[in-house]
Amino acid sequence: MKQSDTKRILEMLTQLTEAVGGPPPGPPAGVPKASLSDRLDKLDARVSEVQLGLATLAADTKAQFQKVDERFTKVDERFTKIDERFTKIDERFTKIDERFDSVDVQFAGVRGAIESTRVQLMDLVGRVHNELTGRIVDLEGPGTKGSGGGVPLAS
């Protein structure tokens, strides 16, 4: 393509774009553009503003993280105290468990003694019952059971 054809196509595309989407943003046609030096100065000023904003944001973020870190340190200290209290409670429960184990061992011996005593008492009550039954029968006499013979017993 020739240079003039390229320029003509570019102008036609510009006209078509403006007809469809409106004029391009920026200074209106015919107004001279700012010099490259002025444009670079504006860009440099804007970059400085952005850098200052980022530096401020970084400082604020660092300060906020320090506050959060301080709060977590305080919470961590409180959890350490709570953990120490739970450790003491665990030690107390361990001692209580040992005492219960000791009582269980002693009670097992007492339980065996109680069972042995119960068996002996039941045997003794059974013997007394049998002895009394035999004596009552002897006192009433043979063959006179319920007939009123012999020595009457108080009921």
N, C-alpha and C. Protein backbone atom coordinates (compact mmCIF):
# COMPACT_ATOMS: atom_id res chain seq x y z
N MET A 1 0.83 -1.17 0.00
CA MET A 1 0.00 0.00 0.00
C MET A 1 0.88 1.24 0.00
N LYS A 2 0.34 2.23 -0.59
CA LYS A 2 1.04 3.50 -0.63
C LYS A 2 0.75 4.25 0.66
N GLN A 3 1.62 5.17 0.98
CA GLN A 3 1.47 5.98 2.19
C GLN A 3 0.17 6.76 2.15
N SER A 4 -0.18 7.29 1.02
CA SER A 4 -1.40 8.08 0.92
C SER A 4 -2.63 7.20 1.12
N ASP A 5 -2.59 5.96 0.63
CA ASP A 5 -3.72 5.04 0.84
C ASP A 5 -3.86 4.69 2.33
N THR A 6 -2.78 4.47 2.97
CA THR A 6 -2.79 4.15 4.39
C THR A 6 -3.36 5.31 5.19
N LYS A 7 -2.94 6.52 4.85
CA LYS A 7 -3.43 7.69 5.55
C LYS A 7 -4.92 7.87 5.32
N ARG A 8 -5.36 7.65 4.10
CA ARG A 8 -6.78 7.79 3.74
C ARG A 8 -7.63 6.75 4.49
N ILE A 9 -7.14 5.49 4.58
CA ILE A 9 -7.88 4.43 5.29
C ILE A 9 -7.96 4.77 6.78
N LEU A 10 -6.88 5.29 7.33
CA LEU A 10 -6.87 5.66 8.73
C LEU A 10 -7.88 6.78 9.02
N GLU A 11 -7.96 7.75 8.14
CA GLU A 11 -8.93 8.84 8.30
C GLU A 11 -10.35 8.31 8.21
N MET A 12 -10.58 7.41 7.28
CA MET A 12 -11.93 6.84 7.14
C MET A 12 -12.31 6.03 8.38
N LEU A 13 -11.37 5.26 8.90
CA LEU A 13 -11.64 4.48 10.12
C LEU A 13 -11.91 5.41 11.31
N THR A 14 -11.18 6.51 11.38
CA THR A 14 -11.39 7.48 12.46
C THR A 14 -12.77 8.08 12.34
N GLN A 15 -13.18 8.45 11.15
CA GLN A 15 -14.52 9.02 10.94
C GLN A 15 -15.60 8.01 11.30
N LEU A 16 -15.39 6.77 10.88
CA LEU A 16 -16.37 5.72 11.18
C LEU A 16 -16.47 5.49 12.68
N THR A 17 -15.36 5.47 13.38
CA THR A 17 -15.35 5.27 14.83
C THR A 17 -16.06 6.41 15.53
N GLU A 18 -15.81 7.64 15.09
CA GLU A 18 -16.46 8.80 15.70
C GLU A 18 -17.94 8.79 15.41
N ALA A 19 -18.34 8.35 14.25
CA ALA A 19 -19.76 8.30 13.90
C ALA A 19 -20.49 7.27 14.76
N VAL A 20 -19.85 6.15 15.05
CA VAL A 20 -20.50 5.09 15.83
C VAL A 20 -20.39 5.36 17.33
N GLY A 21 -19.22 5.68 17.82
CA GLY A 21 -19.01 5.78 19.27
C GLY A 21 -18.84 7.18 19.78
N GLY A 22 -18.90 8.17 18.99
CA GLY A 22 -18.70 9.53 19.45
C GLY A 22 -17.24 9.90 19.33
N PRO A 23 -16.93 11.15 19.64
CA PRO A 23 -15.55 11.59 19.52
C PRO A 23 -14.65 10.89 20.54
N PRO A 24 -13.39 10.71 20.23
CA PRO A 24 -12.48 10.03 21.15
C PRO A 24 -12.23 10.89 22.38
N PRO A 25 -11.96 10.26 23.52
CA PRO A 25 -11.69 11.04 24.72
C PRO A 25 -10.38 11.80 24.55
N GLY A 26 -10.28 12.87 25.27
CA GLY A 26 -9.07 13.67 25.20
C GLY A 26 -9.39 15.05 24.66
N PRO A 27 -8.38 15.76 24.33
CA PRO A 27 -8.62 17.12 23.86
C PRO A 27 -9.33 17.09 22.51
N PRO A 28 -10.22 18.03 22.30
CA PRO A 28 -10.95 18.05 21.04
C PRO A 28 -10.00 18.28 19.87
N ALA A 29 -10.48 17.87 18.72
CA ALA A 29 -9.66 18.01 17.52
C ALA A 29 -9.37 19.48 17.27
N GLY A 30 -8.19 19.76 16.86
CA GLY A 30 -7.81 21.13 16.58
C GLY A 30 -7.11 21.79 17.73
N VAL A 31 -7.23 21.28 18.95
CA VAL A 31 -6.54 21.84 20.10
C VAL A 31 -5.16 21.20 20.12
N PRO A 32 -4.14 21.98 20.22
CA PRO A 32 -2.80 21.39 20.20
C PRO A 32 -2.57 20.56 21.47
N LYS A 33 -1.87 19.45 21.29
CA LYS A 33 -1.55 18.58 22.43
C LYS A 33 -0.46 19.23 23.27
N ALA A 34 -0.47 18.85 24.56
CA ALA A 34 0.58 19.36 25.45
C ALA A 34 1.90 18.77 25.00
N SER A 35 2.94 19.46 25.32
CA SER A 35 4.25 18.97 24.90
C SER A 35 4.58 17.68 25.64
N LEU A 36 5.49 16.95 25.08
CA LEU A 36 5.89 15.68 25.68
C LEU A 36 6.47 15.91 27.07
N SER A 37 7.18 16.96 27.28
CA SER A 37 7.77 17.28 28.57
C SER A 37 6.67 17.53 29.61
N ASP A 38 5.61 18.30 29.21
CA ASP A 38 4.50 18.55 30.14
C ASP A 38 3.76 17.27 30.47
N ARG A 39 3.55 16.46 29.45
CA ARG A 39 2.85 15.19 29.68
C ARG A 39 3.67 14.28 30.61
N LEU A 40 4.99 14.26 30.44
CA LEU A 40 5.85 13.46 31.32
C LEU A 40 5.84 14.01 32.75
N ASP A 41 5.80 15.32 32.89
CA ASP A 41 5.73 15.93 34.22
C ASP A 41 4.43 15.54 34.93
N LYS A 42 3.31 15.58 34.17
CA LYS A 42 2.02 15.17 34.76
C LYS A 42 2.05 13.70 35.15
N LEU A 43 2.63 12.89 34.27
CA LEU A 43 2.71 11.45 34.56
C LEU A 43 3.61 11.23 35.78
N ASP A 44 4.72 11.95 35.87
CA ASP A 44 5.62 11.82 37.01
C ASP A 44 4.92 12.25 38.30
N ALA A 45 4.13 13.33 38.22
CA ALA A 45 3.39 13.78 39.40
C ALA A 45 2.37 12.72 39.83
N ARG A 46 1.70 12.14 38.86
CA ARG A 46 0.70 11.11 39.18
C ARG A 46 1.37 9.88 39.79
N VAL A 47 2.52 9.48 39.24
CA VAL A 47 3.26 8.34 39.78
C VAL A 47 3.67 8.65 41.22
N SER A 48 4.10 9.86 41.48
CA SER A 48 4.48 10.25 42.85
C SER A 48 3.29 10.16 43.79
N GLU A 49 2.09 10.61 43.32
CA GLU A 49 0.88 10.51 44.14
C GLU A 49 0.56 9.05 44.45
N VAL A 50 0.66 8.21 43.43
CA VAL A 50 0.36 6.78 43.63
C VAL A 50 1.37 6.18 44.60
N GLN A 51 2.66 6.52 44.45
CA GLN A 51 3.68 5.99 45.36
C GLN A 51 3.43 6.44 46.79
N LEU A 52 3.04 7.71 46.96
CA LEU A 52 2.73 8.21 48.29
C LEU A 52 1.53 7.47 48.88
N GLY A 53 0.51 7.26 48.05
CA GLY A 53 -0.67 6.51 48.51
C GLY A 53 -0.31 5.09 48.90
N LEU A 54 0.54 4.44 48.09
CA LEU A 54 0.96 3.08 48.42
C LEU A 54 1.80 3.05 49.70
N ALA A 55 2.66 4.04 49.87
CA ALA A 55 3.47 4.10 51.09
C ALA A 55 2.59 4.30 52.31
N THR A 56 1.59 5.18 52.17
CA THR A 56 0.65 5.42 53.27
C THR A 56 -0.14 4.14 53.59
N LEU A 57 -0.60 3.49 52.52
CA LEU A 57 -1.34 2.23 52.70
C LEU A 57 -0.47 1.18 53.38
N ALA A 58 0.79 1.09 52.97
CA ALA A 58 1.70 0.11 53.58
C ALA A 58 1.92 0.43 55.05
N ALA A 59 2.09 1.70 55.37
CA ALA A 59 2.31 2.09 56.78
C ALA A 59 1.06 1.79 57.60
N ASP A 60 -0.12 2.13 57.07
CA ASP A 60 -1.37 1.85 57.79
C ASP A 60 -1.57 0.35 57.98
N THR A 61 -1.27 -0.41 56.93
CA THR A 61 -1.43 -1.86 57.01
C THR A 61 -0.48 -2.44 58.05
N LYS A 62 0.76 -1.93 58.06
CA LYS A 62 1.73 -2.41 59.05
C LYS A 62 1.26 -2.09 60.47
N ALA A 63 0.74 -0.89 60.66
CA ALA A 63 0.25 -0.50 61.99
C ALA A 63 -0.93 -1.38 62.41
N GLN A 64 -1.83 -1.65 61.49
CA GLN A 64 -2.99 -2.51 61.81
C GLN A 64 -2.54 -3.92 62.15
N PHE A 65 -1.56 -4.43 61.40
CA PHE A 65 -1.06 -5.78 61.71
C PHE A 65 -0.36 -5.80 63.05
N GLN A 66 0.32 -4.72 63.42
CA GLN A 66 0.94 -4.67 64.75
C GLN A 66 -0.11 -4.69 65.84
N LYS A 67 -1.23 -3.97 65.62
CA LYS A 67 -2.32 -3.99 66.61
C LYS A 67 -2.90 -5.40 66.72
N VAL A 68 -3.11 -6.04 65.58
CA VAL A 68 -3.65 -7.40 65.60
C VAL A 68 -2.67 -8.34 66.29
N ASP A 69 -1.38 -8.16 66.02
CA ASP A 69 -0.37 -8.99 66.66
C ASP A 69 -0.37 -8.80 68.18
N GLU A 70 -0.53 -7.55 68.62
CA GLU A 70 -0.59 -7.28 70.06
C GLU A 70 -1.81 -7.96 70.69
N ARG A 71 -2.93 -7.89 69.99
CA ARG A 71 -4.15 -8.53 70.52
C ARG A 71 -3.97 -10.04 70.60
N PHE A 72 -3.37 -10.63 69.56
CA PHE A 72 -3.14 -12.07 69.59
C PHE A 72 -2.15 -12.44 70.69
N THR A 73 -1.18 -11.57 70.96
CA THR A 73 -0.23 -11.84 72.04
C THR A 73 -0.97 -11.86 73.38
N LYS A 74 -1.88 -10.89 73.58
CA LYS A 74 -2.66 -10.86 74.82
C LYS A 74 -3.55 -12.09 74.94
N VAL A 75 -4.18 -12.47 73.83
CA VAL A 75 -5.04 -13.66 73.85
C VAL A 75 -4.19 -14.90 74.15
N ASP A 76 -3.01 -14.96 73.56
CA ASP A 76 -2.12 -16.08 73.79
C ASP A 76 -1.71 -16.16 75.26
N GLU A 77 -1.45 -15.00 75.88
CA GLU A 77 -1.11 -14.98 77.30
C GLU A 77 -2.27 -15.50 78.14
N ARG A 78 -3.49 -15.09 77.77
CA ARG A 78 -4.66 -15.56 78.52
C ARG A 78 -4.83 -17.07 78.35
N PHE A 79 -4.62 -17.57 77.13
CA PHE A 79 -4.74 -19.01 76.92
C PHE A 79 -3.65 -19.77 77.68
N THR A 80 -2.47 -19.16 77.82
CA THR A 80 -1.41 -19.79 78.60
C THR A 80 -1.84 -19.91 80.06
N LYS A 81 -2.43 -18.85 80.61
CA LYS A 81 -2.92 -18.89 82.00
C LYS A 81 -4.01 -19.95 82.15
N ILE A 82 -4.92 -19.99 81.18
CA ILE A 82 -6.00 -20.98 81.24
C ILE A 82 -5.42 -22.38 81.15
N ASP A 83 -4.43 -22.56 80.29
CA ASP A 83 -3.79 -23.87 80.15
C ASP A 83 -3.13 -24.28 81.46
N GLU A 84 -2.49 -23.33 82.16
CA GLU A 84 -1.89 -23.64 83.45
C GLU A 84 -2.95 -24.05 84.47
N ARG A 85 -4.10 -23.36 84.43
CA ARG A 85 -5.19 -23.71 85.36
C ARG A 85 -5.71 -25.11 85.05
N PHE A 86 -5.86 -25.44 83.78
CA PHE A 86 -6.33 -26.77 83.41
C PHE A 86 -5.32 -27.84 83.82
N THR A 87 -4.04 -27.51 83.74
CA THR A 87 -3.01 -28.46 84.16
C THR A 87 -3.15 -28.73 85.66
N LYS A 88 -3.37 -27.68 86.45
CA LYS A 88 -3.55 -27.86 87.90
C LYS A 88 -4.81 -28.69 88.17
N ILE A 89 -5.88 -28.42 87.42
CA ILE A 89 -7.12 -29.19 87.60
C ILE A 89 -6.87 -30.65 87.25
N ASP A 90 -6.12 -30.90 86.16
CA ASP A 90 -5.79 -32.28 85.78
C ASP A 90 -5.01 -32.97 86.89
N GLU A 91 -4.07 -32.26 87.50
CA GLU A 91 -3.30 -32.84 88.60
C GLU A 91 -4.21 -33.20 89.77
N ARG A 92 -5.17 -32.31 90.07
CA ARG A 92 -6.09 -32.60 91.17
C ARG A 92 -6.95 -33.81 90.86
N PHE A 93 -7.44 -33.90 89.61
CA PHE A 93 -8.24 -35.05 89.22
C PHE A 93 -7.42 -36.34 89.27
N THR A 94 -6.15 -36.25 88.93
CA THR A 94 -5.28 -37.42 89.01
C THR A 94 -5.18 -37.89 90.47
N LYS A 95 -5.00 -36.94 91.38
CA LYS A 95 -4.94 -37.31 92.81
C LYS A 95 -6.27 -37.90 93.27
N ILE A 96 -7.37 -37.32 92.83
CA ILE A 96 -8.70 -37.85 93.20
C ILE A 96 -8.88 -39.25 92.65
N ASP A 97 -8.44 -39.48 91.40
CA ASP A 97 -8.52 -40.82 90.81
C ASP A 97 -7.71 -41.82 91.62
N GLU A 98 -6.53 -41.40 92.07
CA GLU A 98 -5.71 -42.28 92.90
C GLU A 98 -6.42 -42.62 94.21
N ARG A 99 -7.08 -41.62 94.80
CA ARG A 99 -7.81 -41.86 96.05
C ARG A 99 -8.98 -42.82 95.81
N PHE A 100 -9.71 -42.62 94.70
CA PHE A 100 -10.80 -43.53 94.38
C PHE A 100 -10.28 -44.95 94.16
N ASP A 101 -9.16 -45.07 93.48
CA ASP A 101 -8.58 -46.40 93.27
C ASP A 101 -8.24 -47.05 94.61
N SER A 102 -7.69 -46.24 95.52
CA SER A 102 -7.36 -46.75 96.85
C SER A 102 -8.62 -47.20 97.59
N VAL A 103 -9.66 -46.36 97.52
CA VAL A 103 -10.94 -46.70 98.17
C VAL A 103 -11.53 -47.96 97.55
N ASP A 104 -11.43 -48.07 96.22
CA ASP A 104 -11.96 -49.27 95.55
C ASP A 104 -11.24 -50.53 96.04
N VAL A 105 -9.93 -50.44 96.20
CA VAL A 105 -9.17 -51.59 96.68
C VAL A 105 -9.60 -51.93 98.10
N GLN A 106 -9.72 -50.90 98.96
CA GLN A 106 -10.14 -51.14 100.34
C GLN A 106 -11.56 -51.68 100.37
N PHE A 107 -12.43 -51.11 99.56
CA PHE A 107 -13.83 -51.54 99.55
C PHE A 107 -13.97 -52.97 99.03
N ALA A 108 -13.09 -53.35 98.10
CA ALA A 108 -13.13 -54.74 97.61
C ALA A 108 -12.88 -55.69 98.76
N GLY A 109 -11.92 -55.32 99.64
CA GLY A 109 -11.66 -56.16 100.82
C GLY A 109 -12.84 -56.14 101.77
N VAL A 110 -13.43 -54.97 101.98
CA VAL A 110 -14.60 -54.85 102.87
C VAL A 110 -15.77 -55.61 102.27
N ARG A 111 -15.93 -55.49 100.95
CA ARG A 111 -17.04 -56.18 100.28
C ARG A 111 -16.92 -57.69 100.50
N GLY A 112 -15.69 -58.20 100.38
CA GLY A 112 -15.48 -59.63 100.62
C GLY A 112 -15.79 -59.99 102.07
N ALA A 113 -15.39 -59.14 103.01
CA ALA A 113 -15.65 -59.40 104.42
C ALA A 113 -17.15 -59.32 104.70
N ILE A 114 -17.82 -58.37 104.09
CA ILE A 114 -19.28 -58.25 104.28
C ILE A 114 -19.98 -59.49 103.75
N GLU A 115 -19.56 -59.95 102.56
CA GLU A 115 -20.18 -61.15 101.98
C GLU A 115 -19.92 -62.37 102.87
N SER A 116 -18.72 -62.46 103.39
CA SER A 116 -18.38 -63.58 104.27
C SER A 116 -19.22 -63.52 105.55
N THR A 117 -19.36 -62.32 106.12
CA THR A 117 -20.17 -62.14 107.33
C THR A 117 -21.63 -62.46 107.04
N ARG A 118 -22.13 -62.06 105.89
CA ARG A 118 -23.51 -62.35 105.52
C ARG A 118 -23.75 -63.87 105.43
N VAL A 119 -22.80 -64.56 104.82
CA VAL A 119 -22.93 -66.02 104.72
C VAL A 119 -22.94 -66.65 106.11
N GLN A 120 -22.04 -66.16 106.96
CA GLN A 120 -21.98 -66.71 108.32
C GLN A 120 -23.27 -66.43 109.08
N LEU A 121 -23.81 -65.16 108.93
CA LEU A 121 -25.05 -64.82 109.62
C LEU A 121 -26.21 -65.68 109.11
N MET A 122 -26.28 -65.87 107.80
CA MET A 122 -27.37 -66.68 107.23
C MET A 122 -27.27 -68.12 107.75
N ASP A 123 -26.05 -68.63 107.84
CA ASP A 123 -25.85 -69.98 108.35
C ASP A 123 -26.27 -70.06 109.82
N LEU A 124 -25.87 -69.02 110.59
CA LEU A 124 -26.22 -68.99 112.01
C LEU A 124 -27.73 -68.88 112.20
N VAL A 125 -28.39 -67.97 111.42
CA VAL A 125 -29.85 -67.83 111.53
C VAL A 125 -30.53 -69.14 111.15
N GLY A 126 -30.00 -69.80 110.12
CA GLY A 126 -30.57 -71.10 109.72
C GLY A 126 -30.44 -72.14 110.81
N ARG A 127 -29.28 -72.18 111.47
CA ARG A 127 -29.07 -73.15 112.56
C ARG A 127 -29.99 -72.85 113.74
N VAL A 128 -30.10 -71.53 114.09
CA VAL A 128 -30.97 -71.16 115.20
C VAL A 128 -32.41 -71.55 114.87
N HIS A 129 -32.81 -71.29 113.64
CA HIS A 129 -34.18 -71.62 113.22
C HIS A 129 -34.42 -73.13 113.34
N ASN A 130 -33.47 -73.89 112.85
CA ASN A 130 -33.62 -75.35 112.91
C ASN A 130 -33.65 -75.83 114.38
N GLU A 131 -32.77 -75.24 115.19
CA GLU A 131 -32.72 -75.63 116.61
C GLU A 131 -34.03 -75.30 117.31
N LEU A 132 -34.56 -74.08 117.05
CA LEU A 132 -35.81 -73.68 117.68
C LEU A 132 -36.97 -74.56 117.20
N THR A 133 -36.97 -74.82 115.91
CA THR A 133 -38.05 -75.67 115.38
C THR A 133 -38.00 -77.04 116.06
N GLY A 134 -36.81 -77.58 116.21
CA GLY A 134 -36.68 -78.89 116.85
C GLY A 134 -37.12 -78.85 118.30
N ARG A 135 -36.80 -77.82 119.04
CA ARG A 135 -37.18 -77.71 120.44
C ARG A 135 -38.68 -77.52 120.57
N ILE A 136 -39.26 -76.71 119.68
CA ILE A 136 -40.71 -76.51 119.74
C ILE A 136 -41.44 -77.82 119.53
N VAL A 137 -40.97 -78.58 118.57
CA VAL A 137 -41.60 -79.88 118.30
C VAL A 137 -41.45 -80.78 119.52
N ASP A 138 -40.28 -80.76 120.16
CA ASP A 138 -40.07 -81.59 121.33
C ASP A 138 -40.95 -81.15 122.49
N LEU A 139 -41.17 -79.86 122.67
CA LEU A 139 -41.96 -79.36 123.76
C LEU A 139 -43.44 -79.69 123.58
N GLU A 140 -43.90 -79.71 122.38
CA GLU A 140 -45.31 -79.99 122.13
C GLU A 140 -45.60 -81.48 122.28
N GLY A 141 -44.59 -82.23 122.17
CA GLY A 141 -44.76 -83.66 122.35
C GLY A 141 -45.02 -84.35 121.03
N PRO A 142 -44.79 -85.68 121.05
CA PRO A 142 -44.97 -86.42 119.79
C PRO A 142 -46.44 -86.67 119.53
N GLY A 143 -46.84 -86.48 118.32
CA GLY A 143 -48.20 -86.78 117.89
C GLY A 143 -49.22 -85.81 118.41
N THR A 144 -48.83 -84.80 119.07
CA THR A 144 -49.80 -83.87 119.62
C THR A 144 -49.70 -82.51 118.95
N LYS A 145 -49.21 -82.54 117.81
CA LYS A 145 -48.98 -81.30 117.11
C LYS A 145 -50.31 -80.58 116.95
N GLY A 146 -50.41 -79.40 117.56
CA GLY A 146 -51.61 -78.60 117.46
C GLY A 146 -52.74 -79.13 118.31
N SER A 147 -52.55 -80.20 119.14
CA SER A 147 -53.64 -80.74 119.94
C SER A 147 -53.73 -80.12 121.30
N GLY A 148 -52.79 -79.26 121.63
CA GLY A 148 -52.82 -78.61 122.93
C GLY A 148 -52.12 -79.40 124.00
N GLY A 149 -51.55 -80.56 123.66
CA GLY A 149 -50.83 -81.34 124.65
C GLY A 149 -49.46 -80.77 124.88
N GLY A 150 -48.85 -81.07 125.93
CA GLY A 150 -47.51 -80.60 126.24
C GLY A 150 -47.54 -79.20 126.80
N VAL A 151 -46.44 -78.51 126.72
CA VAL A 151 -46.33 -77.14 127.26
C VAL A 151 -46.76 -76.16 126.18
N PRO A 152 -47.75 -75.32 126.46
CA PRO A 152 -48.16 -74.36 125.43
C PRO A 152 -47.09 -73.28 125.26
N LEU A 153 -46.94 -72.84 124.06
CA LEU A 153 -45.98 -71.80 123.74
C LEU A 153 -46.70 -70.46 123.57
N ALA A 154 -46.04 -69.43 123.96
CA ALA A 154 -46.62 -68.09 123.75
C ALA A 154 -46.52 -67.75 122.27
N SER A 155 -47.60 -67.22 121.77
CA SER A 155 -47.56 -66.93 120.35
C SER A 155 -47.18 -65.52 120.10
